[in-house]
C-alpha atoms as a PDB file:
ATOM      1  CA  MET A   1      15.515  13.064  -3.594  1.00  0.00           C
ATOM      2  CA  THR A   2      15.337  15.491  -0.722  1.00  0.00           C
ATOM      3  CA  TYR A   3      13.711  15.760   2.665  1.00  0.00           C
ATOM      4  CA  MET A   4      10.935  18.312   2.828  1.00  0.00           C
ATOM      5  CA  SER A   5      10.922  20.179   6.126  1.00  0.00           C
ATOM      6  CA  THR A   6       7.142  20.580   5.896  1.00  0.00           C
ATOM      7  CA  LEU A   7       4.361  18.940   3.953  1.00  0.00           C
ATOM      8  CA  MET A   8       1.326  21.163   4.374  1.00  0.00           C
ATOM      9  CA  VAL A   9      -0.112  20.895   0.871  1.00  0.00           C
ATOM     10  CA  GLU A  10      -1.310  18.110  -1.377  1.00  0.00           C
ATOM     11  CA  GLN A  11       0.852  16.684  -4.149  1.00  0.00           C
ATOM     12  CA  THR A  12       0.462  14.909  -7.475  1.00  0.00           C
ATOM     13  CA  VAL A  13       2.823  13.441 -10.037  1.00  0.00           C
ATOM     14  CA  ARG A  14       4.432  16.034 -12.309  1.00  0.00           C
ATOM     15  CA  ALA A  15       3.717  14.175 -15.582  1.00  0.00           C
ATOM     16  CA  PRO A  16       2.197  10.918 -16.842  1.00  0.00           C
ATOM     17  CA  VAL A  17       4.277   7.760 -16.486  1.00  0.00           C
ATOM     18  CA  GLU A  18       3.468   4.207 -17.571  1.00  0.00           C
ATOM     19  CA  CYS A  19       4.501   0.575 -17.516  1.00  0.00           C
ATOM     20  CA  SER A  20       3.248  -2.885 -18.492  1.00  0.00           C
ATOM     21  CA  GLY A  21       3.187  -6.207 -16.678  1.00  0.00           C
ATOM     22  CA  VAL A  22       0.958  -9.050 -15.542  1.00  0.00           C
ATOM     23  CA  GLY A  23      -1.509  -9.406 -12.699  1.00  0.00           C
ATOM     24  CA  LEU A  24      -0.241 -11.527  -9.805  1.00  0.00           C
ATOM     25  CA  HIS A  25      -3.456 -13.500  -9.334  1.00  0.00           C
ATOM     26  CA  SER A  26      -5.211 -13.247 -12.708  1.00  0.00           C
ATOM     27  CA  GLY A  27      -2.075 -13.637 -14.828  1.00  0.00           C
ATOM     28  CA  VAL A  28      -3.569 -11.215 -17.373  1.00  0.00           C
ATOM     29  CA  PRO A  29      -1.382  -8.694 -19.228  1.00  0.00           C
ATOM     30  CA  VAL A  30      -2.036  -5.109 -18.163  1.00  0.00           C
ATOM     31  CA  HIS A  31      -0.813  -1.653 -19.109  1.00  0.00           C
ATOM     32  CA  MET A  32      -0.801   0.932 -16.316  1.00  0.00           C
ATOM     33  CA  ARG A  33      -0.484   4.702 -16.644  1.00  0.00           C
ATOM     34  CA  ILE A  34      -0.235   7.120 -13.707  1.00  0.00           C
ATOM     35  CA  VAL A  35      -1.579  10.568 -14.547  1.00  0.00           C
ATOM     36  CA  PRO A  36      -1.577  13.876 -12.596  1.00  0.00           C
ATOM     37  CA  ALA A  37      -4.882  14.715 -10.919  1.00  0.00           C
ATOM     38  CA  PRO A  38      -6.388  17.945  -9.515  1.00  0.00           C
ATOM     39  CA  SER A  39      -6.273  18.839  -5.822  1.00  0.00           C
ATOM     40  CA  GLY A  40      -8.901  17.119  -3.718  1.00  0.00           C
ATOM     41  CA  SER A  41      -9.481  14.246  -6.143  1.00  0.00           C
ATOM     42  CA  GLY A  42      -7.534  11.585  -4.226  1.00  0.00           C
ATOM     43  CA  ILE A  43      -6.414   8.357  -5.904  1.00  0.00           C
ATOM     44  CA  VAL A  44      -8.762   7.146  -8.632  1.00  0.00           C
ATOM     45  CA  PHE A  45      -8.453   3.963 -10.690  1.00  0.00           C
ATOM     46  CA  ARG A  46      -9.724   4.224 -14.266  1.00  0.00           C
ATOM     47  CA  ARG A  47     -10.539   1.168 -16.404  1.00  0.00           C
ATOM     48  CA  THR A  48      -9.646   2.329 -19.920  1.00  0.00           C
ATOM     49  CA  ASP A  49     -10.959  -0.978 -21.290  1.00  0.00           C
ATOM     50  CA  LEU A  50     -14.415  -0.174 -19.854  1.00  0.00           C
ATOM     51  CA  ASP A  51     -15.050   3.312 -21.268  1.00  0.00           C
ATOM     52  CA  GLY A  52     -12.931   4.963 -18.587  1.00  0.00           C
ATOM     53  CA  PHE A  53     -15.019   3.696 -15.648  1.00  0.00           C
ATOM     54  CA  GLU A  54     -13.593   5.111 -12.420  1.00  0.00           C
ATOM     55  CA  ILE A  55     -13.284   3.592  -8.964  1.00  0.00           C
ATOM     56  CA  GLU A  56     -12.132   5.771  -6.092  1.00  0.00           C
ATOM     57  CA  ALA A  57      -9.534   4.295  -3.725  1.00  0.00           C
ATOM     58  CA  THR A  58     -11.678   4.564  -0.598  1.00  0.00           C
ATOM     59  CA  GLY A  59     -12.884   2.178   2.063  1.00  0.00           C
ATOM     60  CA  ARG A  60     -16.449   2.206   0.783  1.00  0.00           C
ATOM     61  CA  ASN A  61     -15.288   0.488  -2.424  1.00  0.00           C
ATOM     62  CA  VAL A  62     -13.433  -2.414  -0.766  1.00  0.00           C
ATOM     63  CA  ALA A  63     -14.650  -5.649  -2.350  1.00  0.00           C
ATOM     64  CA  LYS A  64     -12.601  -8.622  -1.157  1.00  0.00           C
ATOM     65  CA  VAL A  65      -9.418  -8.941   0.824  1.00  0.00           C
ATOM     66  CA  SER A  66      -8.160 -12.512   0.905  1.00  0.00           C
ATOM     67  CA  TYR A  67      -4.711 -12.628  -0.708  1.00  0.00           C
ATOM     68  CA  ALA A  68      -4.919  -9.066  -2.056  1.00  0.00           C
ATOM     69  CA  THR A  69      -7.045  -5.945  -1.639  1.00  0.00           C
ATOM     70  CA  SER A  70      -9.581  -5.426  -4.393  1.00  0.00           C
ATOM     71  CA  LEU A  71     -11.990  -2.585  -5.033  1.00  0.00           C
ATOM     72  CA  MET A  72     -15.373  -2.776  -6.734  1.00  0.00           C
ATOM     73  CA  LYS A  73     -17.955  -0.239  -7.851  1.00  0.00           C
ATOM     74  CA  LYS A  74     -21.153  -1.087  -9.741  1.00  0.00           C
ATOM     75  CA  GLY A  75     -19.769  -4.550 -10.485  1.00  0.00           C
ATOM     76  CA  VAL A  76     -16.461  -3.295 -11.921  1.00  0.00           C
ATOM     77  CA  LEU A  77     -13.371  -4.731 -10.237  1.00  0.00           C
ATOM     78  CA  ILE A  78      -9.847  -3.440  -9.630  1.00  0.00           C
ATOM     79  CA  SER A  79      -7.631  -6.073  -8.018  1.00  0.00           C
ATOM     80  CA  THR A  80      -4.354  -6.035  -6.053  1.00  0.00           C
ATOM     81  CA  THR A  81      -4.280  -2.310  -5.342  1.00  0.00           C
ATOM     82  CA  GLU A  82      -2.101  -2.329  -2.235  1.00  0.00           C
ATOM     83  CA  HIS A  83       1.385  -1.946  -3.730  1.00  0.00           C
ATOM     84  CA  VAL A  84       0.585   1.102  -5.848  1.00  0.00           C
ATOM     85  CA  LEU A  85      -1.358   2.729  -3.015  1.00  0.00           C
ATOM     86  CA  SER A  86       1.506   2.010  -0.636  1.00  0.00           C
ATOM     87  CA  ALA A  87       4.008   3.664  -2.972  1.00  0.00           C
ATOM     88  CA  PHE A  88       1.813   6.760  -3.215  1.00  0.00           C
ATOM     89  CA  VAL A  89       1.715   7.105   0.571  1.00  0.00           C
ATOM     90  CA  GLY A  90       5.462   6.605   0.826  1.00  0.00           C
ATOM     91  CA  MET A  91       6.109   9.191  -1.890  1.00  0.00           C
ATOM     92  CA  GLY A  92       3.575  11.683  -0.549  1.00  0.00           C
ATOM     93  CA  VAL A  93       1.272  11.517  -3.601  1.00  0.00           C
ATOM     94  CA  ASP A  94      -2.264  12.577  -2.628  1.00  0.00           C
ATOM     95  CA  ASN A  95      -3.892  12.897  -6.036  1.00  0.00           C
ATOM     96  CA  ALA A  96      -3.425  10.691  -9.104  1.00  0.00           C
ATOM     97  CA  ILE A  97      -5.390   8.801 -11.737  1.00  0.00           C
ATOM     98  CA  VAL A  98      -4.218   5.221 -12.287  1.00  0.00           C
ATOM     99  CA  GLU A  99      -5.331   4.028 -15.720  1.00  0.00           C
ATOM    100  CA  LEU A 100      -5.560   0.277 -16.374  1.00  0.00           C
ATOM    101  CA  ASP A 101      -6.661  -1.735 -19.391  1.00  0.00           C
ATOM    102  CA  ASN A 102      -7.494  -4.843 -17.364  1.00  0.00           C
ATOM    103  CA  LEU A 103      -8.851  -5.857 -13.969  1.00  0.00           C
ATOM    104  CA  GLU A 104      -5.615  -6.230 -11.974  1.00  0.00           C
ATOM    105  CA  LEU A 105      -2.658  -3.960 -11.374  1.00  0.00           C
ATOM    106  CA  PRO A 106       0.713  -5.244 -12.614  1.00  0.00           C
ATOM    107  CA  ILE A 107       2.738  -7.017  -9.953  1.00  0.00           C
ATOM    108  CA  LEU A 108       6.065  -5.893 -11.515  1.00  0.00           C
ATOM    109  CA  ASP A 109       8.844  -7.213  -9.216  1.00  0.00           C
ATOM    110  CA  GLY A 110       6.492  -7.914  -6.287  1.00  0.00           C
ATOM    111  CA  SER A 111       7.428  -4.781  -4.349  1.00  0.00           C
ATOM    112  CA  ALA A 112       6.588  -1.068  -4.488  1.00  0.00           C
ATOM    113  CA  GLN A 113      10.060  -0.123  -5.725  1.00  0.00           C
ATOM    114  CA  PRO A 114       9.180   0.012  -9.458  1.00  0.00           C
ATOM    115  CA  ILE A 115       6.274   2.361  -8.695  1.00  0.00           C
ATOM    116  CA  VAL A 116       8.549   4.556  -6.573  1.00  0.00           C
ATOM    117  CA  GLU A 117      11.048   4.706  -9.423  1.00  0.00           C
ATOM    118  CA  MET A 118       8.317   5.628 -11.903  1.00  0.00           C
ATOM    119  CA  VAL A 119       7.234   8.523  -9.697  1.00  0.00           C
ATOM    120  CA  GLN A 120      10.832   9.584  -9.136  1.00  0.00           C
ATOM    121  CA  CYS A 121      11.358   9.589 -12.893  1.00  0.00           C
ATOM    122  CA  VAL A 122       8.704  12.239 -13.547  1.00  0.00           C
ATOM    123  CA  GLY A 123       8.838  14.002 -10.176  1.00  0.00           C
ATOM    124  CA  ILE A 124       6.198  15.312  -7.788  1.00  0.00           C
ATOM    125  CA  ARG A 125       4.353  18.621  -8.027  1.00  0.00           C
ATOM    126  CA  ARG A 126       3.092  20.461  -4.980  1.00  0.00           C
ATOM    127  CA  GLN A 127      -0.452  21.759  -5.177  1.00  0.00           C
ATOM    128  CA  ARG A 128      -2.187  24.691  -3.497  1.00  0.00           C
ATOM    129  CA  ARG A 129      -4.770  22.822  -1.457  1.00  0.00           C
ATOM    130  CA  PRO A 130      -3.828  22.216   2.212  1.00  0.00           C
ATOM    131  CA  ARG A 131      -3.380  18.525   2.949  1.00  0.00           C
ATOM    132  CA  GLN A 132      -5.836  17.137   5.483  1.00  0.00           C
ATOM    133  CA  TYR A 133      -4.437  14.478   7.806  1.00  0.00           C
ATOM    134  CA  LEU A 134      -6.585  12.003   9.704  1.00  0.00           C
ATOM    135  CA  ARG A 135      -5.400  12.432  13.283  1.00  0.00           C
ATOM    136  CA  VAL A 136      -6.296   9.482  15.521  1.00  0.00           C
ATOM    137  CA  LEU A 137      -7.882  10.677  18.791  1.00  0.00           C
ATOM    138  CA  LYS A 138      -8.676   7.406  20.581  1.00  0.00           C
ATOM    139  CA  PRO A 139      -7.108   3.944  20.581  1.00  0.00           C
ATOM    140  CA  VAL A 140      -8.809   1.360  18.381  1.00  0.00           C
ATOM    141  CA  GLU A 141      -7.969  -2.328  18.777  1.00  0.00           C
ATOM    142  CA  MET A 142      -9.223  -5.410  16.935  1.00  0.00           C
ATOM    143  CA  CYS A 143      -8.492  -9.100  17.690  1.00  0.00           C
ATOM    144  CA  GLU A 144      -9.452 -12.217  15.776  1.00  0.00           C
ATOM    145  CA  GLY A 145      -8.121 -15.751  16.086  1.00  0.00           C
ATOM    146  CA  GLY A 146      -4.782 -14.742  17.572  1.00  0.00           C
ATOM    147  CA  LYS A 147      -4.367 -11.877  15.130  1.00  0.00           C
ATOM    148  CA  PHE A 148      -4.278  -8.261  16.271  1.00  0.00           C
ATOM    149  CA  ILE A 149      -4.267  -4.737  14.913  1.00  0.00           C
ATOM    150  CA  GLY A 150      -4.493  -1.437  16.770  1.00  0.00           C
ATOM    151  CA  ILE A 151      -4.049   2.242  16.054  1.00  0.00           C
ATOM    152  CA  TYR A 152      -3.196   4.863  18.676  1.00  0.00           C
ATOM    153  CA  PRO A 153      -2.879   8.647  18.876  1.00  0.00           C
ATOM    154  CA  ALA A 154       0.535   9.970  17.805  1.00  0.00           C
ATOM    155  CA  GLU A 155       2.106  13.060  16.271  1.00  0.00           C
ATOM    156  CA  ASN A 156       3.340  11.189  13.195  1.00  0.00           C
ATOM    157  CA  PHE A 157       2.662   7.988  11.245  1.00  0.00           C
ATOM    158  CA  SER A 158       4.526   4.889  12.403  1.00  0.00           C
ATOM    159  CA  VAL A 159       4.000   1.135  12.101  1.00  0.00           C
ATOM    160  CA  CYS A 160       5.182  -1.738  14.287  1.00  0.00           C
ATOM    161  CA  TYR A 161       4.397  -5.102  12.662  1.00  0.00           C
ATOM    162  CA  SER A 162       5.049  -8.696  13.805  1.00  0.00           C
ATOM    163  CA  ILE A 163       4.667 -11.972  11.907  1.00  0.00           C
ATOM    164  CA  ASN A 164       5.240 -15.613  12.780  1.00  0.00           C
ATOM    165  CA  PHE A 165       5.569 -18.281  10.073  1.00  0.00           C
ATOM    166  CA  PRO A 166       6.728 -21.871  10.749  1.00  0.00           C
ATOM    167  CA  HIS A 167       9.603 -21.644   8.266  1.00  0.00           C
ATOM    168  CA  PRO A 168      13.329 -21.749   9.060  1.00  0.00           C
ATOM    169  CA  LEU A 169      13.981 -18.439   7.276  1.00  0.00           C
ATOM    170  CA  ILE A 170      11.037 -16.534   8.780  1.00  0.00           C
ATOM    171  CA  GLY A 171       9.791 -17.568  12.222  1.00  0.00           C
ATOM    172  CA  GLU A 172       9.068 -14.506  14.359  1.00  0.00           C
ATOM    173  CA  GLU A 173       9.922 -11.166  12.778  1.00  0.00           C
ATOM    174  CA  THR A 174       9.132  -7.644  14.011  1.00  0.00           C
ATOM    175  CA  ILE A 175       9.923  -4.253  12.527  1.00  0.00           C
ATOM    176  CA  CYS A 176       9.031  -0.705  13.577  1.00  0.00           C
ATOM    177  CA  VAL A 177       9.258   2.139  11.057  1.00  0.00           C
ATOM    178  CA  ASP A 178       8.548   5.857  11.213  1.00  0.00           C
ATOM    179  CA  LEU A 179       6.949   6.923   7.950  1.00  0.00           C
ATOM    180  CA  SER A 180       7.407  10.607   8.740  1.00  0.00           C
ATOM    181  CA  ARG A 181      11.215  10.286   8.542  1.00  0.00           C
ATOM    182  CA  GLY A 182      11.430   8.908   5.036  1.00  0.00           C
ATOM    183  CA  ASP A 183      11.907   5.322   6.240  1.00  0.00           C
ATOM    184  CA  TYR A 184       9.518   4.055   3.562  1.00  0.00           C
ATOM    185  CA  LEU A 185      11.835   4.472   0.580  1.00  0.00           C
ATOM    186  CA  ARG A 186      14.832   3.015   2.350  1.00  0.00           C
ATOM    187  CA  GLU A 187      13.274   0.323   4.513  1.00  0.00           C
ATOM    188  CA  ILE A 188       9.940  -0.756   2.987  1.00  0.00           C
ATOM    189  CA  ALA A 189       9.477  -0.048  -0.739  1.00  0.00           C
ATOM    190  CA  PRO A 190      11.922  -2.733  -2.038  1.00  0.00           C
ATOM    191  CA  ALA A 191      10.417  -5.565   0.070  1.00  0.00           C
ATOM    192  CA  ARG A 192       8.786  -8.199  -2.171  1.00  0.00           C
ATOM    193  CA  THR A 193       5.745 -10.372  -1.747  1.00  0.00           C
ATOM    194  CA  PHE A 194       6.409 -14.015  -0.927  1.00  0.00           C
ATOM    195  CA  GLY A 195       4.812 -17.430  -1.123  1.00  0.00           C
ATOM    196  CA  PHE A 196       5.413 -21.085  -0.351  1.00  0.00           C
ATOM    197  CA  LEU A 197       6.174 -23.579  -3.099  1.00  0.00           C
ATOM    198  CA  HIS A 198       4.052 -26.323  -1.528  1.00  0.00           C
ATOM    199  CA  GLU A 199       0.971 -24.057  -1.706  1.00  0.00           C
ATOM    200  CA  VAL A 200       1.260 -23.151  -5.393  1.00  0.00           C
ATOM    201  CA  GLU A 201      -0.943 -25.896  -6.865  1.00  0.00           C
ATOM    202  CA  ALA A 202      -3.746 -25.412  -4.346  1.00  0.00           C
ATOM    203  CA  MET A 203      -3.742 -21.632  -4.789  1.00  0.00           C
ATOM    204  CA  ARG A 204      -3.815 -21.882  -8.578  1.00  0.00           C
ATOM    205  CA  ASN A 205      -6.727 -24.285  -8.311  1.00  0.00           C
ATOM    206  CA  MET A 206      -8.478 -21.492  -6.382  1.00  0.00           C
ATOM    207  CA  GLY A 207      -7.835 -19.068  -9.252  1.00  0.00           C
ATOM    208  CA  LEU A 208      -4.965 -17.327  -7.466  1.00  0.00           C
ATOM    209  CA  ILE A 209      -1.273 -16.523  -8.257  1.00  0.00           C
ATOM    210  CA  ARG A 210      -1.654 -17.387 -11.943  1.00  0.00           C
ATOM    211  CA  GLY A 211       0.787 -14.618 -12.773  1.00  0.00           C
ATOM    212  CA  ALA A 212       3.288 -15.435 -10.027  1.00  0.00           C
ATOM    213  CA  SER A 213       6.861 -16.274 -10.965  1.00  0.00           C
ATOM    214  CA  GLU A 214      10.366 -16.205  -9.554  1.00  0.00           C
ATOM    215  CA  GLU A 215      10.698 -12.708 -11.077  1.00  0.00           C
ATOM    216  CA  ASN A 216       7.871 -11.193  -9.030  1.00  0.00           C
ATOM    217  CA  ALA A 217       7.800 -13.062  -5.708  1.00  0.00           C
ATOM    218  CA  ILE A 218      10.104 -14.688  -3.184  1.00  0.00           C
ATOM    219  CA  VAL A 219       9.503 -18.433  -3.529  1.00  0.00           C
ATOM    220  CA  LEU A 220      10.071 -20.382  -0.318  1.00  0.00           C
ATOM    221  CA  THR A 221      10.829 -24.101  -0.343  1.00  0.00           C
ATOM    222  CA  ALA A 222      10.545 -26.294   2.746  1.00  0.00           C
ATOM    223  CA  GLU A 223      14.086 -25.456   3.826  1.00  0.00           C
ATOM    224  CA  GLY A 224      15.045 -22.231   2.092  1.00  0.00           C
ATOM    225  CA  ILE A 225      14.526 -19.881  -0.856  1.00  0.00           C
ATOM    226  CA  LYS A 226      14.278 -21.014  -4.469  1.00  0.00           C
ATOM    227  CA  ASN A 227      15.172 -17.601  -5.923  1.00  0.00           C
ATOM    228  CA  GLY A 228      17.356 -15.745  -3.408  1.00  0.00           C
ATOM    229  CA  PRO A 229      19.039 -13.723  -2.175  1.00  0.00           C
ATOM    230  CA  LEU A 230      16.774 -11.646   0.053  1.00  0.00           C
ATOM    231  CA  ARG A 231      16.929  -7.866  -0.175  1.00  0.00           C
ATOM    232  CA  TYR A 232      16.686  -7.692   3.632  1.00  0.00           C
ATOM    233  CA  ARG A 233      17.204 -10.352   6.268  1.00  0.00           C
ATOM    234  CA  ASP A 234      13.611  -9.679   7.419  1.00  0.00           C
ATOM    235  CA  GLU A 235      12.126  -8.868   4.003  1.00  0.00           C
ATOM    236  CA  PHE A 236       8.972 -10.837   4.832  1.00  0.00           C
ATOM    237  CA  VAL A 237       7.741  -8.603   7.654  1.00  0.00           C
ATOM    238  CA  ARG A 238       8.799  -5.511   5.726  1.00  0.00           C
ATOM    239  CA  HIS A 239       6.478  -6.538   2.915  1.00  0.00           C
ATOM    240  CA  LYS A 240       3.624  -6.884   5.406  1.00  0.00           C
ATOM    241  CA  VAL A 241       4.254  -3.264   6.418  1.00  0.00           C
ATOM    242  CA  LEU A 242       4.188  -2.301   2.730  1.00  0.00           C
ATOM    243  CA  ASP A 243       0.774  -3.953   2.340  1.00  0.00           C
ATOM    244  CA  LEU A 244      -0.553  -2.350   5.519  1.00  0.00           C
ATOM    245  CA  ILE A 245       0.408   1.141   4.381  1.00  0.00           C
ATOM    246  CA  GLY A 246      -1.385   0.618   1.077  1.00  0.00           C
ATOM    247  CA  ASP A 247      -4.493  -0.788   2.741  1.00  0.00           C
ATOM    248  CA  LEU A 248      -4.697   2.024   5.306  1.00  0.00           C
ATOM    249  CA  SER A 249      -4.556   4.588   2.505  1.00  0.00           C
ATOM    250  CA  LEU A 250      -8.166   3.592   1.773  1.00  0.00           C
ATOM    251  CA  ILE A 251      -9.050   5.878   4.693  1.00  0.00           C
ATOM    252  CA  GLY A 252      -8.631   8.608   2.076  1.00  0.00           C
ATOM    253  CA  HIS A 253      -6.118  10.716   4.008  1.00  0.00           C
ATOM    254  CA  GLN A 254      -2.570  10.459   5.242  1.00  0.00           C
ATOM    255  CA  VAL A 255      -2.651   9.257   8.856  1.00  0.00           C
ATOM    256  CA  LEU A 256      -1.246  10.682  12.059  1.00  0.00           C
ATOM    257  CA  GLY A 257      -1.209   7.672  14.369  1.00  0.00           C
ATOM    258  CA  ARG A 258       0.806   4.673  15.564  1.00  0.00           C
ATOM    259  CA  VAL A 259      -0.222   1.295  14.154  1.00  0.00           C
ATOM    260  CA  VAL A 260       0.627  -1.979  15.880  1.00  0.00           C
ATOM    261  CA  ALA A 261      -0.130  -5.244  14.067  1.00  0.00           C
ATOM    262  CA  ASP A 262       0.521  -8.900  14.807  1.00  0.00           C
ATOM    263  CA  ARG A 263      -0.135 -11.410  11.993  1.00  0.00           C
ATOM    264  CA  ALA A 264      -2.927  -9.138  10.783  1.00  0.00           C
ATOM    265  CA  GLY A 265      -3.191  -9.367   6.971  1.00  0.00           C
ATOM    266  CA  HIS A 266      -5.355  -7.599   4.392  1.00  0.00           C
ATOM    267  CA  ALA A 267      -8.689  -8.483   5.996  1.00  0.00           C
ATOM    268  CA  MET A 268      -7.766  -6.941   9.339  1.00  0.00           C
ATOM    269  CA  HIS A 269      -6.084  -3.945   7.706  1.00  0.00           C
ATOM    270  CA  THR A 270      -9.238  -3.059   5.811  1.00  0.00           C
ATOM    271  CA  ALA A 271     -11.468  -3.906   8.795  1.00  0.00           C
ATOM    272  CA  LEU A 272      -9.567  -1.217  10.722  1.00  0.00           C
ATOM    273  CA  VAL A 273     -10.205   1.214   7.863  1.00  0.00           C
ATOM    274  CA  GLN A 274     -13.933   0.425   7.999  1.00  0.00           C
ATOM    275  CA  ARG A 275     -14.021   0.786  11.776  1.00  0.00           C
ATOM    276  CA  LEU A 276     -12.429   4.234  11.615  1.00  0.00           C
ATOM    277  CA  LEU A 277     -14.664   5.439   8.800  1.00  0.00           C
ATOM    278  CA  ARG A 278     -17.803   4.272  10.641  1.00  0.00           C
ATOM    279  CA  ASP A 279     -16.974   6.215  13.816  1.00  0.00           C
ATOM    280  CA  PRO A 280     -15.856   9.832  13.264  1.00  0.00           C
ATOM    281  CA  SER A 281     -15.464  10.291  17.027  1.00  0.00           C
ATOM    282  CA  LEU A 282     -12.224   8.283  16.801  1.00  0.00           C
ATOM    283  CA  TRP A 283     -10.415  10.892  14.704  1.00  0.00           C
ATOM    284  CA  LYS A 284     -10.449  14.391  13.311  1.00  0.00           C
ATOM    285  CA  LEU A 285      -9.210  15.914  10.079  1.00  0.00           C
ATOM    286  CA  THR A 286      -6.480  18.450  10.572  1.00  0.00           C
ATOM    287  CA  THR A 287      -4.101  20.538   8.513  1.00  0.00           C
ATOM    288  CA  LEU A 288      -0.532  21.285   9.518  1.00  0.00           C
ATOM    289  CA  THR A 289       1.199  24.594  10.055  1.00  0.00           C
ATOM    290  CA  ALA A 290       4.869  25.321   9.525  1.00  0.00           C
ATOM    291  CA  ASN A 291       5.429  24.605  13.226  1.00  0.00           C
ATOM    292  CA  THR A 292       3.618  21.258  13.268  1.00  0.00           C
ATOM    293  CA  ALA A 293       4.277  19.765   9.833  1.00  0.00           C
ATOM    294  CA  VAL A 294       5.998  16.394   9.770  1.00  0.00           C
ATOM    295  CA  PRO A 295       9.079  15.701   7.646  1.00  0.00           C
ATOM    296  CA  GLN A 296       8.409  13.558   4.579  1.00  0.00           C
ATOM    297  CA  MET A 297      10.402  12.210   1.669  1.00  0.00           C
ATOM    298  CA  ALA A 298       9.362  13.604  -1.696  1.00  0.00           C
ATOM    299  CA  THR A 299      10.740  14.422  -5.112  1.00  0.00           C
ATOM    300  CA  VAL A 300      11.167  18.111  -5.868  1.00  0.00           C
END
């Protein structure tokens, strides 16, 4: 791994890489393959079990966002996209085809780390096309039921996220990370999803977390953790940042802006995406020169 002094062009994975697992919510087995893609194609999910039907990872294809972010096009669903999309942002991957033979991405260990390691294994290839960043021009703020999310003009991409859960190991947690400095790989990618043991039966009755286990999620009991130790003292809020980064990638471009969120969640993340896409006066697309490019972490 090395820091790139500039990142002015788009990137894709250097070679195909694949893995197998189960879907967090559906519990179905799934094989996933990440394939290089041409410049300008963005991230595209391809259902190999449905004659290669493709769904672009963009805000217009957002379907439902309760306990995960799902995409749908012409009735075809791709579920739990946020971890893979988050890893792509953190690794600086602009273009890739993600092939799946079922409706939900594999949860793997509940974090983005396995995806990062897959990409690291094959490497990243720079492409010729200049990367277009979405530069935020005006503040945008959204509030709902005590939850908040806002995005503000900035020269780089940073996130400050707060959560508050009535649990002795969580409570109030806040973290601020600068994604332009390579913080993602070190501070965010290994953070796992989490859930509460007392909610398991009710959620499974709702058709959720049927693939969840102690191998792919932090399981919280009333007083502690059933399957510790934590990877970070504040792993819970770090995972929320991981989810946010993946959800915001549905804008379709890397972002130059400062995001502040308080107990937001997938619904508010994607609502912010929709708000930005509906109002082009809030942002502009820009390329970077050697003098203005932001440092990023990438494999070379």
